[in-house]
Protein backbone atom coordinates (compact mmCIF):
# COMPACT_ATOMS: atom_id res chain seq x y z
CA MET A 1 107.20 104.98 89.00
CA PRO A 2 110.16 102.57 89.50
CA GLU A 3 109.48 102.53 93.24
CA GLN A 4 105.90 101.48 92.60
CA GLN A 5 107.03 98.71 90.25
CA PHE A 6 109.54 97.49 92.81
CA ALA A 7 106.89 97.46 95.53
CA GLU A 8 104.54 95.46 93.32
CA TYR A 9 107.29 92.97 92.45
CA ALA A 10 108.28 92.60 96.12
CA HIS A 11 104.65 91.93 97.03
CA GLU A 12 104.40 89.33 94.26
CA ILE A 13 107.52 87.54 95.55
CA GLU A 14 106.20 87.60 99.11
CA SER A 15 102.83 86.20 98.02
CA THR A 16 104.46 83.41 96.01
CA ILE A 17 106.62 82.36 98.94
CA LYS A 18 103.73 82.52 101.42
CA ILE A 19 101.58 80.35 99.14
CA GLY A 20 104.45 77.89 98.79
CA LEU A 21 104.78 77.70 102.56
CA PHE A 22 101.02 77.23 102.95
CA LYS A 23 100.94 74.39 100.39
CA ARG A 24 103.66 72.59 102.33
CA ASN A 25 102.07 73.32 105.70
CA MET A 26 105.32 75.01 106.77
CA THR A 27 106.00 78.14 108.79
CA GLN A 28 108.66 80.75 108.02
CA LYS A 29 110.46 79.69 111.18
CA GLU A 30 110.57 76.07 110.01
CA LEU A 31 111.84 77.20 106.63
CA ALA A 32 114.53 79.31 108.29
CA GLU A 33 115.67 76.30 110.31
CA LEU A 34 115.68 74.11 107.19
CA ILE A 35 117.94 76.46 105.25
CA HIS A 36 120.01 77.42 108.33
CA ALA A 37 119.02 81.08 108.21
CA ASN A 38 118.18 83.64 110.84
CA PRO A 39 114.35 83.99 110.92
CA GLN A 40 114.54 87.79 110.91
CA GLN A 41 116.88 87.84 107.93
CA LEU A 42 114.64 85.39 106.08
CA ASN A 43 111.66 87.65 106.76
CA ARG A 44 113.53 90.64 105.30
CA ALA A 45 114.38 88.57 102.23
CA ILE A 46 110.76 87.53 101.79
CA LYS A 47 109.64 91.15 102.12
CA GLY A 48 111.89 92.18 99.21
CA ASP A 49 115.17 93.33 100.76
CA MET A 50 117.80 93.65 98.02
CA THR A 51 121.01 92.89 99.92
CA PRO A 52 123.17 90.09 98.52
CA LYS A 53 122.33 87.87 101.51
CA SER A 54 118.59 88.36 100.96
CA ARG A 55 118.95 87.49 97.29
CA GLU A 56 120.84 84.34 98.24
CA LEU A 57 118.16 83.39 100.75
CA ARG A 58 115.40 83.86 98.14
CA GLU A 59 117.30 81.52 95.82
CA GLN A 60 117.49 78.90 98.59
CA VAL A 61 113.80 79.35 99.34
CA ALA A 62 112.93 78.92 95.67
CA ARG A 63 114.86 75.65 95.55
CA VAL A 64 113.30 74.30 98.77
CA LEU A 65 109.74 75.29 97.77
CA ASN A 66 110.18 74.40 94.09
CA LEU A 67 109.20 77.89 92.94
């Protein structure tokens, strides 16, 4: 059950970020450049990776996209 809850939460985070990007007419690559992040690492963070770096990137994304 916890795995299912985590998967649902990760999907919710991903959807929120994708909608934020869409509203700002911005691509993930542009966002990565803006926050000085590797595009692949940003993608892992958006997909729900739980490493400290991914958590930090999600915080930066939330600030940039006003989430």
